Amino acid sequence: MSRRAFLVGLGVVALLVFSLYRAKYGARESAEEIDRVESRIEEAVSERKLLLGELSHLSRQEWIEEYARNELGMAPPRADQFIREEDLPHILGPVDSAPPEAGEVSDD
C-alpha cells in the first residue's frame, strides 16, 4: 500500500508541476497580449489627439470660408440674388397649367 501511495503522490506532484508550467506559460502569453493591447491603446490615443487637432483646424469659420471660396467657387450671396415669394410669378412669367395631381392621368 505504501508503494501505491508513493506512486499516486508522485503522479499528483507531476500533475502539479505540469499545471504550474502551463499557468506560467499562460501568464506570459497574457502579459504579452496585455502589452500589445496597451500599445494599440496608446496609438489610438495619439491618433485621436491628431484627429481632434485637425478637426479644430478644419472647423474654423475662416478656413471653411476660404475653402468654399477657393476650392468650391462659392461666395456670399448678393442682395440681388434674394427674391420674395410674392415676386416669383413676375420673375418666372405666367404658368400655363398646373402639374397633374398624383394619381391623375394627363390628356397628353
N, C-alpha and C. Protein backbone atom coordinates (compact mmCIF):
# COMPACT_ATOMS: atom_id res chain seq x y z
N MET A 1 0.82 -1.18 0.00
CA MET A 1 0.00 0.00 0.00
C MET A 1 0.87 1.25 0.00
N SER A 2 1.96 1.19 0.64
CA SER A 2 2.87 2.30 0.71
C SER A 2 3.43 2.63 -0.67
N ARG A 3 3.69 1.59 -1.44
CA ARG A 3 4.20 1.81 -2.81
C ARG A 3 3.12 2.47 -3.67
N ARG A 4 1.87 2.03 -3.52
CA ARG A 4 0.75 2.61 -4.27
C ARG A 4 0.57 4.09 -3.88
N ALA A 5 0.64 4.42 -2.62
CA ALA A 5 0.51 5.80 -2.15
C ALA A 5 1.65 6.65 -2.70
N PHE A 6 2.86 6.05 -2.75
CA PHE A 6 4.00 6.78 -3.30
C PHE A 6 3.78 7.11 -4.77
N LEU A 7 3.30 6.15 -5.56
CA LEU A 7 3.05 6.38 -6.99
C LEU A 7 1.94 7.40 -7.21
N VAL A 8 0.89 7.32 -6.40
CA VAL A 8 -0.19 8.31 -6.51
C VAL A 8 0.34 9.69 -6.15
N GLY A 9 1.12 9.79 -5.12
CA GLY A 9 1.71 11.06 -4.72
C GLY A 9 2.64 11.60 -5.80
N LEU A 10 3.43 10.71 -6.40
CA LEU A 10 4.32 11.11 -7.48
C LEU A 10 3.52 11.62 -8.68
N GLY A 11 2.41 10.96 -8.98
CA GLY A 11 1.54 11.41 -10.08
C GLY A 11 0.93 12.78 -9.79
N VAL A 12 0.52 13.00 -8.54
CA VAL A 12 -0.05 14.29 -8.14
C VAL A 12 1.01 15.38 -8.25
N VAL A 13 2.22 15.10 -7.81
CA VAL A 13 3.31 16.07 -7.89
C VAL A 13 3.61 16.39 -9.36
N ALA A 14 3.64 15.35 -10.21
CA ALA A 14 3.90 15.57 -11.64
C ALA A 14 2.79 16.43 -12.25
N LEU A 15 1.55 16.15 -11.87
CA LEU A 15 0.42 16.94 -12.37
C LEU A 15 0.52 18.39 -11.89
N LEU A 16 0.92 18.60 -10.67
CA LEU A 16 1.08 19.96 -10.14
C LEU A 16 2.21 20.70 -10.86
N VAL A 17 3.30 20.02 -11.13
CA VAL A 17 4.43 20.64 -11.84
C VAL A 17 3.99 21.04 -13.25
N PHE A 18 3.30 20.11 -13.92
CA PHE A 18 2.82 20.41 -15.27
C PHE A 18 1.82 21.57 -15.24
N SER A 19 0.91 21.59 -14.28
CA SER A 19 -0.07 22.67 -14.16
C SER A 19 0.62 24.01 -13.89
N LEU A 20 1.64 24.00 -13.05
CA LEU A 20 2.39 25.22 -12.75
C LEU A 20 3.08 25.74 -14.02
N TYR A 21 3.68 24.82 -14.79
CA TYR A 21 4.33 25.21 -16.05
C TYR A 21 3.31 25.83 -17.00
N ARG A 22 2.14 25.21 -17.16
CA ARG A 22 1.10 25.74 -18.05
C ARG A 22 0.60 27.11 -17.55
N ALA A 23 0.45 27.26 -16.26
CA ALA A 23 -0.02 28.53 -15.71
C ALA A 23 1.01 29.63 -15.96
N LYS A 24 2.29 29.30 -15.78
CA LYS A 24 3.35 30.28 -16.02
C LYS A 24 3.39 30.66 -17.50
N TYR A 25 3.27 29.68 -18.38
CA TYR A 25 3.27 29.92 -19.82
C TYR A 25 2.04 30.76 -20.21
N GLY A 26 0.89 30.43 -19.65
CA GLY A 26 -0.34 31.20 -19.91
C GLY A 26 -0.23 32.63 -19.41
N ALA A 27 0.40 32.81 -18.26
CA ALA A 27 0.58 34.16 -17.72
C ALA A 27 1.49 34.98 -18.63
N ARG A 28 2.52 34.35 -19.17
CA ARG A 28 3.43 35.05 -20.08
C ARG A 28 2.67 35.48 -21.34
N GLU A 29 1.87 34.55 -21.88
CA GLU A 29 1.07 34.90 -23.07
C GLU A 29 0.10 36.04 -22.76
N SER A 30 -0.52 35.98 -21.59
CA SER A 30 -1.46 37.04 -21.21
C SER A 30 -0.74 38.38 -21.05
N ALA A 31 0.45 38.36 -20.47
CA ALA A 31 1.22 39.61 -20.31
C ALA A 31 1.60 40.19 -21.66
N GLU A 32 1.99 39.33 -22.61
CA GLU A 32 2.33 39.81 -23.95
C GLU A 32 1.10 40.38 -24.64
N GLU A 33 -0.04 39.74 -24.49
CA GLU A 33 -1.28 40.25 -25.09
C GLU A 33 -1.67 41.58 -24.47
N ILE A 34 -1.50 41.71 -23.16
CA ILE A 34 -1.80 42.98 -22.49
C ILE A 34 -0.88 44.07 -23.01
N ASP A 35 0.40 43.77 -23.21
CA ASP A 35 1.33 44.75 -23.77
C ASP A 35 0.91 45.18 -25.17
N ARG A 36 0.48 44.22 -26.00
CA ARG A 36 0.03 44.57 -27.35
C ARG A 36 -1.21 45.46 -27.30
N VAL A 37 -2.15 45.13 -26.43
CA VAL A 37 -3.37 45.93 -26.32
C VAL A 37 -3.04 47.33 -25.81
N GLU A 38 -2.18 47.43 -24.82
CA GLU A 38 -1.79 48.75 -24.30
C GLU A 38 -1.09 49.57 -25.37
N SER A 39 -0.28 48.93 -26.19
CA SER A 39 0.40 49.63 -27.29
C SER A 39 -0.63 50.15 -28.29
N ARG A 40 -1.62 49.32 -28.62
CA ARG A 40 -2.67 49.77 -29.55
C ARG A 40 -3.48 50.91 -28.95
N ILE A 41 -3.72 50.87 -27.64
CA ILE A 41 -4.45 51.95 -26.97
C ILE A 41 -3.66 53.24 -27.06
N GLU A 42 -2.35 53.18 -26.83
CA GLU A 42 -1.51 54.38 -26.93
C GLU A 42 -1.53 54.94 -28.35
N GLU A 43 -1.48 54.06 -29.34
CA GLU A 43 -1.55 54.52 -30.74
C GLU A 43 -2.89 55.18 -31.02
N ALA A 44 -3.97 54.59 -30.51
CA ALA A 44 -5.30 55.14 -30.74
C ALA A 44 -5.45 56.50 -30.06
N VAL A 45 -4.92 56.64 -28.86
CA VAL A 45 -4.99 57.93 -28.16
C VAL A 45 -4.19 58.98 -28.93
N SER A 46 -3.03 58.60 -29.43
CA SER A 46 -2.21 59.53 -30.21
C SER A 46 -2.94 59.93 -31.49
N GLU A 47 -3.53 58.97 -32.17
CA GLU A 47 -4.27 59.27 -33.40
C GLU A 47 -5.49 60.14 -33.10
N ARG A 48 -6.15 59.90 -31.97
CA ARG A 48 -7.31 60.71 -31.58
C ARG A 48 -6.90 62.17 -31.36
N LYS A 49 -5.76 62.37 -30.68
CA LYS A 49 -5.28 63.73 -30.45
C LYS A 49 -4.98 64.42 -31.78
N LEU A 50 -4.36 63.69 -32.70
CA LEU A 50 -4.06 64.25 -34.01
C LEU A 50 -5.35 64.62 -34.75
N LEU A 51 -6.33 63.73 -34.72
CA LEU A 51 -7.59 63.99 -35.41
C LEU A 51 -8.37 65.14 -34.77
N LEU A 52 -8.32 65.24 -33.45
CA LEU A 52 -9.00 66.36 -32.79
C LEU A 52 -8.35 67.69 -33.17
N GLY A 53 -7.02 67.71 -33.26
CA GLY A 53 -6.34 68.93 -33.70
C GLY A 53 -6.70 69.29 -35.12
N GLU A 54 -6.75 68.28 -35.98
CA GLU A 54 -7.13 68.52 -37.38
C GLU A 54 -8.57 69.00 -37.47
N LEU A 55 -9.46 68.40 -36.67
CA LEU A 55 -10.86 68.82 -36.66
C LEU A 55 -11.00 70.26 -36.21
N SER A 56 -10.28 70.63 -35.17
CA SER A 56 -10.40 72.02 -34.69
C SER A 56 -9.87 72.99 -35.74
N HIS A 57 -8.84 72.59 -36.48
CA HIS A 57 -8.31 73.46 -37.53
C HIS A 57 -9.31 73.56 -38.69
N LEU A 58 -9.85 72.41 -39.12
CA LEU A 58 -10.73 72.41 -40.29
C LEU A 58 -12.13 72.96 -39.99
N SER A 59 -12.51 73.05 -38.74
CA SER A 59 -13.84 73.56 -38.43
C SER A 59 -13.83 75.06 -38.10
N ARG A 60 -12.68 75.70 -38.23
CA ARG A 60 -12.64 77.16 -38.04
C ARG A 60 -13.42 77.85 -39.15
N GLN A 61 -14.17 78.86 -38.81
CA GLN A 61 -15.01 79.59 -39.77
C GLN A 61 -14.17 80.18 -40.90
N GLU A 62 -13.00 80.72 -40.59
CA GLU A 62 -12.15 81.33 -41.62
C GLU A 62 -11.69 80.28 -42.63
N TRP A 63 -11.32 79.10 -42.14
CA TRP A 63 -10.85 78.06 -43.05
C TRP A 63 -11.98 77.57 -43.95
N ILE A 64 -13.17 77.41 -43.37
CA ILE A 64 -14.32 76.96 -44.16
C ILE A 64 -14.65 77.97 -45.25
N GLU A 65 -14.63 79.25 -44.91
CA GLU A 65 -14.92 80.29 -45.90
C GLU A 65 -13.85 80.28 -47.00
N GLU A 66 -12.60 80.16 -46.62
CA GLU A 66 -11.52 80.14 -47.61
C GLU A 66 -11.64 78.92 -48.52
N TYR A 67 -11.92 77.78 -47.95
CA TYR A 67 -12.07 76.55 -48.75
C TYR A 67 -13.25 76.67 -49.70
N ALA A 68 -14.38 77.17 -49.21
CA ALA A 68 -15.56 77.31 -50.05
C ALA A 68 -15.30 78.28 -51.19
N ARG A 69 -14.58 79.34 -50.92
CA ARG A 69 -14.29 80.33 -51.95
C ARG A 69 -13.28 79.80 -52.98
N ASN A 70 -12.18 79.23 -52.52
CA ASN A 70 -11.09 78.81 -53.41
C ASN A 70 -11.35 77.47 -54.10
N GLU A 71 -11.85 76.50 -53.38
CA GLU A 71 -12.00 75.15 -53.93
C GLU A 71 -13.37 74.91 -54.55
N LEU A 72 -14.40 75.50 -53.99
CA LEU A 72 -15.76 75.23 -54.46
C LEU A 72 -16.34 76.37 -55.29
N GLY A 73 -15.64 77.49 -55.34
CA GLY A 73 -16.12 78.62 -56.13
C GLY A 73 -17.33 79.30 -55.53
N MET A 74 -17.51 79.17 -54.24
CA MET A 74 -18.67 79.76 -53.57
C MET A 74 -18.33 81.16 -53.09
N ALA A 75 -19.36 81.97 -52.95
CA ALA A 75 -19.19 83.33 -52.44
C ALA A 75 -20.44 83.67 -51.63
N PRO A 76 -20.34 84.65 -50.76
CA PRO A 76 -21.54 85.07 -50.02
C PRO A 76 -22.61 85.55 -51.00
N PRO A 77 -23.87 85.32 -50.69
CA PRO A 77 -24.93 85.75 -51.60
C PRO A 77 -25.01 87.28 -51.69
N ARG A 78 -25.33 87.73 -52.89
CA ARG A 78 -25.50 89.17 -53.10
C ARG A 78 -26.97 89.53 -52.87
N ALA A 79 -27.23 90.81 -52.66
CA ALA A 79 -28.60 91.26 -52.37
C ALA A 79 -29.53 91.00 -53.56
N ASP A 80 -29.01 91.08 -54.79
CA ASP A 80 -29.88 90.87 -55.95
C ASP A 80 -30.22 89.40 -56.18
N GLN A 81 -29.62 88.50 -55.42
CA GLN A 81 -29.93 87.08 -55.54
C GLN A 81 -31.13 86.68 -54.69
N PHE A 82 -31.58 87.54 -53.81
CA PHE A 82 -32.72 87.25 -52.96
C PHE A 82 -33.98 87.80 -53.61
N ILE A 83 -35.05 87.00 -53.58
CA ILE A 83 -36.35 87.48 -54.05
C ILE A 83 -37.41 87.03 -53.07
N ARG A 84 -38.52 87.75 -53.07
CA ARG A 84 -39.63 87.38 -52.20
C ARG A 84 -40.53 86.39 -52.94
N GLU A 85 -41.26 85.63 -52.20
CA GLU A 85 -42.15 84.64 -52.79
C GLU A 85 -43.22 85.31 -53.64
N GLU A 86 -43.67 86.48 -53.23
CA GLU A 86 -44.72 87.19 -53.97
C GLU A 86 -44.22 87.63 -55.35
N ASP A 87 -42.89 87.83 -55.49
CA ASP A 87 -42.33 88.28 -56.76
C ASP A 87 -42.06 87.15 -57.74
N LEU A 88 -42.19 85.91 -57.33
CA LEU A 88 -41.89 84.78 -58.21
C LEU A 88 -42.72 84.78 -59.50
N PRO A 89 -44.04 84.98 -59.46
CA PRO A 89 -44.81 84.96 -60.72
C PRO A 89 -44.34 86.05 -61.70
N HIS A 90 -43.92 87.20 -61.22
CA HIS A 90 -43.44 88.27 -62.09
C HIS A 90 -42.10 87.91 -62.72
N ILE A 91 -41.25 87.22 -61.97
CA ILE A 91 -39.93 86.88 -62.47
C ILE A 91 -39.99 85.67 -63.41
N LEU A 92 -40.76 84.66 -63.04
CA LEU A 92 -40.83 83.44 -63.82
C LEU A 92 -41.80 83.54 -65.00
N GLY A 93 -42.71 84.44 -64.94
CA GLY A 93 -43.70 84.57 -66.00
C GLY A 93 -44.95 83.76 -65.66
N PRO A 94 -45.97 83.86 -66.49
CA PRO A 94 -47.22 83.14 -66.19
C PRO A 94 -47.03 81.62 -66.34
N VAL A 95 -47.72 80.90 -65.53
CA VAL A 95 -47.67 79.44 -65.57
C VAL A 95 -48.84 78.98 -66.42
N ASP A 96 -48.58 78.15 -67.49
CA ASP A 96 -49.62 77.71 -68.42
C ASP A 96 -50.65 76.84 -67.73
N SER A 97 -50.19 75.77 -67.09
CA SER A 97 -51.12 74.89 -66.38
C SER A 97 -50.40 74.28 -65.21
N ALA A 98 -51.19 73.92 -64.22
CA ALA A 98 -50.62 73.30 -63.03
C ALA A 98 -50.29 71.85 -63.35
N PRO A 99 -49.27 71.30 -62.76
CA PRO A 99 -48.95 69.89 -62.99
C PRO A 99 -50.07 69.00 -62.47
N PRO A 100 -50.31 67.84 -63.10
CA PRO A 100 -51.39 66.98 -62.64
C PRO A 100 -51.13 66.48 -61.23
N GLU A 101 -52.22 66.28 -60.50
CA GLU A 101 -52.12 65.76 -59.15
C GLU A 101 -51.66 64.31 -59.19
N ALA A 102 -51.15 63.83 -58.10
CA ALA A 102 -50.69 62.45 -58.03
C ALA A 102 -51.88 61.52 -58.27
N GLY A 103 -51.73 60.57 -59.16
CA GLY A 103 -52.79 59.61 -59.43
C GLY A 103 -53.67 60.01 -60.61
N GLU A 104 -53.62 61.27 -61.05
CA GLU A 104 -54.42 61.72 -62.19
C GLU A 104 -53.67 61.39 -63.48
N VAL A 105 -54.42 61.14 -64.53
CA VAL A 105 -53.83 60.84 -65.83
C VAL A 105 -53.99 62.09 -66.70
N SER A 106 -52.89 62.51 -67.33
CA SER A 106 -52.97 63.68 -68.17
C SER A 106 -53.52 63.31 -69.55
N ASP A 107 -54.07 64.30 -70.28
CA ASP A 107 -54.68 64.04 -71.58
C ASP A 107 -53.68 64.12 -72.71
N ASP A 108 -52.41 64.23 -72.43
CA ASP A 108 -51.39 64.36 -73.48
C ASP A 108 -51.25 63.16 -74.33
